[in-house]
Amino acid sequence: MEWLWAHRDGFRLETEADPEIGFQQRFKPIGEVAAIARILFREGVAGSRQAELARRLIDHLWRETLDGGRMLELGQQREPLSPVPFEVYLPFMEMGYQDPAIERAVHLNHRLTSWAALEVLPVRRLGLSRSERKFGLTPSAPPDEAFPRTWLARRPEPWTVEGNIGYDITHTVFHLTDWGENPAGLPTGTADYLATWLPVWLDDWLDLRRWDLLGELLVVDACLPSPTLDEAAWNGFAAAQQPDGAMPAVREMPEGTFDDVFDTVYHSTVVAAFASVLATSRAFHHLAETPV
């Protein structure tokens, strides 16, 4: 949180970017930080300094970067069928920030056949369906219909997992468990499959020093009904973090301009915050449930 707050200018938008190549792309980092901040507040295990920085960062992103939500309005106007402004807005709304104009636009656009017809990966459709339900909309595809189409639902050969599939796995788990709040949201067969093979994947990505994906897989572990809180993976992950709090995405910290470094490591740093908050919360729950 220290690094993210100190580098908050990296989340700035490019208002003059060509709509075909860039304006909405800059929303993604903001939405990711908002989603993780909501989890940090939900779990209640962060230190007072980290919680304060998270609140200050979210307030800055809403009021300054998003101009009180007006930039999301602009994104929705430029691309009416894009779900991105809606997805970014949702965690802010859950934390008490609201913009009636965005909500009206979402309700209007959701009525269009084209909204539901948007062609996306199955895991993306699962996430959109979950977000629609949380927003109070009828899901364009019921989650119990979207999930069976994902890679994880079919429980394929575990040795076929590579980077892109790895991220599909992690986000499927995030959506099914509401970002770790409901481990029971994982179907029993899926939870058993992950309990068997997740330790192997953790070893693989630790060996490759792929910190960004390793962090997401550590979150998946914390989402399981019985997390392992793998000590070797956590020790390796923690050792990669820099003194200022930044987490490299792969191997070592990159060199380059501020923008280059920020765009390369902001996500892995956000993931590190997510993983540490959720794993700490699960560890506390385990201690509380252990007989003295």
Protein backbone atom coordinates (compact mmCIF):
# COMPACT_ATOMS: atom_id res chain seq x y z
CA MET A 1 0.00 0.00 0.00
CA GLU A 2 2.92 2.35 0.64
CA TRP A 3 4.18 1.87 -2.92
CA LEU A 4 0.74 2.17 -4.51
CA TRP A 5 0.02 5.39 -2.62
CA ALA A 6 3.42 6.88 -3.43
CA HIS A 7 2.90 6.06 -7.12
CA ARG A 8 -0.75 7.07 -7.36
CA ASP A 9 -0.01 9.37 -10.31
CA GLY A 10 0.67 6.24 -12.36
CA PHE A 11 -3.07 5.57 -12.42
CA ARG A 12 -3.76 8.72 -14.45
CA LEU A 13 -6.03 8.45 -17.45
CA GLU A 14 -5.20 9.39 -21.03
CA THR A 15 -8.26 11.43 -21.91
CA GLU A 16 -7.04 12.21 -25.44
CA ALA A 17 -6.20 8.62 -26.32
CA ASP A 18 -7.71 7.21 -29.49
CA PRO A 19 -10.87 5.29 -28.42
CA GLU A 20 -9.77 2.43 -30.66
CA ILE A 21 -6.54 1.85 -28.80
CA GLY A 22 -6.42 3.19 -25.30
CA PHE A 23 -8.89 5.24 -23.29
CA GLN A 24 -10.60 2.39 -21.50
CA GLN A 25 -7.37 0.43 -21.03
CA ARG A 26 -6.37 2.88 -18.30
CA PHE A 27 -9.50 2.04 -16.31
CA LYS A 28 -8.29 -1.51 -15.64
CA PRO A 29 -5.60 -0.66 -13.03
CA ILE A 30 -8.07 1.59 -11.19
CA GLY A 31 -10.70 -1.14 -11.07
CA GLU A 32 -8.18 -3.69 -9.79
CA VAL A 33 -7.04 -1.43 -6.97
CA ALA A 34 -10.65 -0.68 -6.02
CA ALA A 35 -11.52 -4.38 -5.93
CA ILE A 36 -8.56 -5.18 -3.66
CA ALA A 37 -9.23 -2.21 -1.39
CA ARG A 38 -12.79 -3.45 -0.89
CA ILE A 39 -11.39 -6.83 0.15
CA LEU A 40 -8.91 -5.18 2.51
CA PHE A 41 -11.74 -3.32 4.25
CA ARG A 42 -13.94 -6.42 4.24
CA GLU A 43 -11.39 -8.70 5.89
CA GLY A 44 -10.36 -6.17 8.53
CA VAL A 45 -6.86 -7.58 9.10
CA ALA A 46 -4.72 -4.80 7.63
CA GLY A 47 -2.78 -2.53 9.95
CA SER A 48 -4.15 0.94 10.63
CA ARG A 49 -1.52 2.57 8.41
CA GLN A 50 -2.32 0.27 5.47
CA ALA A 51 -6.07 0.75 5.90
CA GLU A 52 -5.61 4.53 6.01
CA LEU A 53 -3.48 4.50 2.86
CA ALA A 54 -6.01 2.29 1.08
CA ARG A 55 -8.83 4.69 1.92
CA ARG A 56 -6.78 7.72 0.86
CA LEU A 57 -5.82 6.01 -2.39
CA ILE A 58 -9.41 5.02 -3.24
CA ASP A 59 -10.64 8.51 -2.40
CA HIS A 60 -7.93 10.01 -4.62
CA LEU A 61 -8.74 7.68 -7.51
CA TRP A 62 -12.46 8.45 -7.29
CA ARG A 63 -12.28 12.21 -6.78
CA GLU A 64 -9.16 13.12 -8.75
CA THR A 65 -8.41 10.41 -11.32
CA LEU A 66 -12.03 9.56 -12.15
CA ASP A 67 -13.24 13.11 -11.48
CA GLY A 68 -15.97 11.92 -9.16
CA GLY A 69 -17.08 9.24 -11.63
CA ARG A 70 -17.38 11.56 -14.62
CA MET A 71 -14.55 9.81 -16.45
CA LEU A 72 -16.47 6.54 -16.20
CA GLU A 73 -19.49 8.36 -17.63
CA LEU A 74 -17.31 9.48 -20.52
CA GLY A 75 -16.06 5.92 -21.06
CA GLN A 76 -19.62 4.64 -21.13
CA GLN A 77 -20.62 7.33 -23.64
CA ARG A 78 -17.70 6.55 -25.93
CA GLU A 79 -18.28 2.80 -25.83
CA PRO A 80 -21.88 2.15 -24.74
CA LEU A 81 -21.58 -1.62 -24.96
CA SER A 82 -18.32 -1.92 -23.06
CA PRO A 83 -18.75 -3.50 -19.62
CA VAL A 84 -15.48 -1.97 -18.39
CA PRO A 85 -16.86 1.26 -16.86
CA PHE A 86 -19.55 -0.80 -15.14
CA GLU A 87 -17.00 -3.28 -13.74
CA VAL A 88 -14.74 -0.50 -12.48
CA TYR A 89 -17.66 1.35 -10.93
CA LEU A 90 -19.01 -1.65 -8.99
CA PRO A 91 -16.35 -1.89 -6.23
CA PHE A 92 -16.46 1.89 -5.77
CA MET A 93 -20.23 1.67 -5.39
CA GLU A 94 -19.82 -1.09 -2.81
CA MET A 95 -17.50 1.21 -0.84
CA GLY A 96 -20.00 4.07 -0.83
CA TYR A 97 -19.06 6.08 -3.95
CA GLN A 98 -21.96 6.66 -6.31
CA ASP A 99 -22.75 8.33 -9.62
CA PRO A 100 -26.42 8.13 -10.69
CA ALA A 101 -25.52 8.88 -14.33
CA ILE A 102 -23.37 5.75 -14.57
CA GLU A 103 -26.07 3.64 -12.97
CA ARG A 104 -28.69 4.93 -15.40
CA ALA A 105 -26.40 4.17 -18.35
CA VAL A 106 -25.72 0.64 -17.12
CA HIS A 107 -29.42 -0.11 -16.66
CA LEU A 108 -30.16 1.29 -20.12
CA ASN A 109 -27.37 -0.56 -21.93
CA HIS A 110 -28.10 -3.81 -20.11
CA ARG A 111 -31.49 -3.91 -21.87
CA LEU A 112 -29.79 -4.19 -25.25
CA THR A 113 -29.46 -7.62 -26.84
CA SER A 114 -25.93 -6.65 -27.84
CA TRP A 115 -24.86 -6.46 -24.18
CA ALA A 116 -25.61 -10.14 -23.60
CA ALA A 117 -24.31 -11.08 -27.06
CA LEU A 118 -20.83 -9.67 -26.37
CA GLU A 119 -18.36 -12.44 -27.22
CA VAL A 120 -15.94 -13.01 -24.34
CA LEU A 121 -14.00 -15.89 -22.77
CA PRO A 122 -16.10 -18.14 -20.50
CA VAL A 123 -14.28 -16.95 -17.37
CA ARG A 124 -14.99 -13.34 -18.39
CA ARG A 125 -18.67 -14.17 -18.88
CA LEU A 126 -18.73 -15.76 -15.43
CA GLY A 127 -17.27 -12.57 -13.93
CA LEU A 128 -19.71 -10.33 -15.78
CA SER A 129 -22.64 -12.47 -14.67
CA ARG A 130 -21.53 -12.26 -11.05
CA SER A 131 -21.06 -8.49 -11.32
CA GLU A 132 -24.48 -8.04 -12.91
CA ARG A 133 -26.10 -9.96 -10.06
CA LYS A 134 -24.30 -7.88 -7.42
CA PHE A 135 -25.39 -4.70 -9.19
CA GLY A 136 -29.01 -5.85 -9.11
CA LEU A 137 -29.28 -6.78 -12.79
CA THR A 138 -30.49 -10.04 -14.24
CA PRO A 139 -27.30 -11.86 -15.33
CA SER A 140 -26.93 -12.02 -19.10
CA ALA A 141 -25.81 -15.62 -18.56
CA PRO A 142 -26.64 -17.32 -15.23
CA PRO A 143 -23.40 -18.14 -13.36
CA ASP A 144 -24.38 -21.80 -13.15
CA GLU A 145 -24.47 -21.82 -16.96
CA ALA A 146 -21.30 -19.75 -17.40
CA PHE A 147 -19.08 -21.79 -15.06
CA PRO A 148 -19.32 -25.18 -16.87
CA ARG A 149 -17.79 -23.58 -19.97
CA THR A 150 -14.60 -22.56 -18.16
CA TRP A 151 -11.32 -24.47 -18.29
CA LEU A 152 -11.37 -25.19 -14.55
CA ALA A 153 -14.88 -26.65 -14.59
CA ARG A 154 -13.69 -29.47 -16.86
CA ARG A 155 -10.70 -30.23 -14.60
CA PRO A 156 -8.35 -31.01 -17.52
CA GLU A 157 -4.87 -32.54 -17.42
CA PRO A 158 -3.00 -30.46 -14.80
CA TRP A 159 0.30 -30.51 -16.71
CA THR A 160 -1.28 -28.52 -19.56
CA VAL A 161 -1.45 -25.36 -17.43
CA GLU A 162 0.53 -22.43 -18.80
CA GLY A 163 0.41 -18.70 -18.10
CA ASN A 164 -2.88 -17.76 -19.75
CA ILE A 165 -4.65 -20.83 -18.40
CA GLY A 166 -3.21 -20.06 -14.97
CA TYR A 167 -4.87 -16.65 -14.93
CA ASP A 168 -8.13 -18.19 -16.18
CA ILE A 169 -8.00 -20.62 -13.24
CA THR A 170 -7.37 -17.92 -10.66
CA HIS A 171 -10.13 -15.63 -11.88
CA THR A 172 -12.62 -18.49 -12.09
CA VAL A 173 -11.95 -19.12 -8.39
CA PHE A 174 -12.19 -15.42 -7.56
CA HIS A 175 -15.60 -15.17 -9.21
CA LEU A 176 -16.98 -18.36 -7.68
CA THR A 177 -15.91 -17.40 -4.16
CA ASP A 178 -16.64 -13.66 -4.46
CA TRP A 179 -12.94 -12.87 -4.15
CA GLY A 180 -12.41 -15.21 -1.22
CA GLU A 181 -15.45 -14.26 0.85
CA ASN A 182 -17.30 -17.53 0.21
CA PRO A 183 -15.02 -20.60 -0.13
CA ALA A 184 -18.16 -22.75 -0.19
CA GLY A 185 -18.90 -21.27 -3.62
CA LEU A 186 -16.41 -23.72 -5.12
CA PRO A 187 -18.08 -26.94 -6.28
CA THR A 188 -16.75 -29.92 -4.34
CA GLY A 189 -15.09 -31.54 -7.36
CA THR A 190 -13.37 -28.27 -8.29
CA ALA A 191 -12.15 -27.72 -4.73
CA ASP A 192 -10.74 -31.27 -4.59
CA TYR A 193 -9.01 -30.83 -7.96
CA LEU A 194 -7.39 -27.60 -6.77
CA ALA A 195 -6.38 -29.11 -3.43
CA THR A 196 -4.56 -31.87 -5.33
CA TRP A 197 -2.81 -29.85 -8.01
CA LEU A 198 -2.39 -26.33 -6.63
CA PRO A 199 0.73 -27.30 -4.60
CA VAL A 200 2.35 -28.50 -7.83
CA TRP A 201 1.52 -25.27 -9.66
CA LEU A 202 2.84 -23.21 -6.74
CA ASP A 203 6.15 -25.08 -6.98
CA ASP A 204 6.29 -24.50 -10.74
CA TRP A 205 5.67 -20.75 -10.67
CA LEU A 206 7.95 -20.29 -7.66
CA ASP A 207 10.72 -22.05 -9.58
CA LEU A 208 10.06 -19.81 -12.61
CA ARG A 209 9.94 -16.72 -10.35
CA ARG A 210 6.68 -15.64 -11.97
CA TRP A 211 5.65 -13.54 -8.97
CA ASP A 212 2.47 -12.09 -10.44
CA LEU A 213 0.89 -15.46 -11.20
CA LEU A 214 2.35 -17.02 -8.06
CA GLY A 215 0.62 -14.30 -6.04
CA GLU A 216 -2.72 -15.03 -7.69
CA LEU A 217 -2.28 -18.75 -7.03
CA LEU A 218 -1.56 -17.97 -3.37
CA VAL A 219 -4.88 -16.14 -3.34
CA VAL A 220 -6.53 -19.23 -4.82
CA ASP A 221 -5.07 -21.28 -1.96
CA ALA A 222 -6.58 -18.83 0.54
CA CYS A 223 -9.95 -19.22 -1.23
CA LEU A 224 -10.04 -22.99 -0.70
CA PRO A 225 -12.18 -24.49 2.09
CA SER A 226 -8.92 -25.80 3.64
CA PRO A 227 -6.03 -23.55 2.56
CA THR A 228 -2.47 -24.84 2.92
CA LEU A 229 -0.79 -21.40 3.27
CA ASP A 230 2.23 -23.05 1.61
CA GLU A 231 5.31 -21.96 3.59
CA ALA A 232 7.89 -22.42 0.82
CA ALA A 233 5.81 -20.49 -1.71
CA TRP A 234 5.15 -17.69 0.77
CA ASN A 235 8.79 -17.41 1.77
CA GLY A 236 9.86 -17.15 -1.87
CA PHE A 237 7.11 -14.66 -2.65
CA ALA A 238 7.94 -12.46 0.34
CA ALA A 239 11.65 -12.49 -0.50
CA ALA A 240 10.91 -11.05 -3.94
CA GLN A 241 9.17 -7.99 -2.55
CA GLN A 242 11.25 -4.81 -2.59
CA PRO A 243 12.00 -2.66 0.48
CA ASP A 244 9.60 0.02 -0.79
CA GLY A 245 6.78 -2.53 -1.14
CA ALA A 246 6.88 -3.04 -4.91
CA MET A 247 6.58 -6.59 -6.22
CA PRO A 248 8.24 -7.46 -9.54
CA ALA A 249 6.04 -9.35 -11.98
CA VAL A 250 8.77 -11.71 -13.15
CA ARG A 251 12.23 -12.35 -11.68
CA GLU A 252 13.80 -8.94 -10.83
CA MET A 253 12.49 -5.38 -10.74
CA PRO A 254 12.60 -3.79 -14.21
CA GLU A 255 14.60 -0.74 -15.14
CA GLY A 256 13.27 2.20 -17.13
CA THR A 257 11.12 5.28 -16.88
CA PHE A 258 8.49 5.80 -14.19
CA ASP A 259 5.72 4.85 -16.60
CA ASP A 260 7.52 1.70 -17.75
CA VAL A 261 8.17 0.52 -14.21
CA PHE A 262 4.68 1.37 -12.98
CA ASP A 263 2.87 -0.38 -15.80
CA THR A 264 5.05 -3.47 -15.34
CA VAL A 265 4.74 -3.91 -11.57
CA TYR A 266 1.53 -2.22 -10.39
CA HIS A 267 -0.52 -5.40 -10.93
CA SER A 268 1.90 -7.72 -9.14
CA THR A 269 2.05 -5.21 -6.27
CA VAL A 270 -1.76 -5.12 -6.06
CA VAL A 271 -1.80 -8.92 -6.12
CA ALA A 272 0.72 -9.00 -3.26
CA ALA A 273 -1.63 -6.85 -1.17
CA PHE A 274 -4.57 -9.11 -2.06
CA ALA A 275 -2.69 -12.31 -1.25
CA SER A 276 -1.30 -11.08 2.05
CA VAL A 277 -4.65 -9.74 3.28
CA LEU A 278 -6.59 -12.88 2.41
CA ALA A 279 -3.95 -15.32 3.69
CA THR A 280 -3.60 -13.37 6.94
CA SER A 281 -7.36 -13.43 7.41
CA ARG A 282 -7.51 -17.18 6.80
CA ALA A 283 -4.64 -17.77 9.23
CA PHE A 284 -6.47 -15.79 11.93
CA HIS A 285 -9.65 -17.79 11.32
CA HIS A 286 -7.68 -21.02 11.62
CA LEU A 287 -6.15 -19.92 14.93
CA ALA A 288 -9.54 -18.87 16.24
CA GLU A 289 -11.00 -22.28 15.40
CA THR A 290 -8.08 -24.30 16.85
CA PRO A 291 -8.86 -25.69 20.33
CA VAL A 292 -6.52 -24.44 23.05
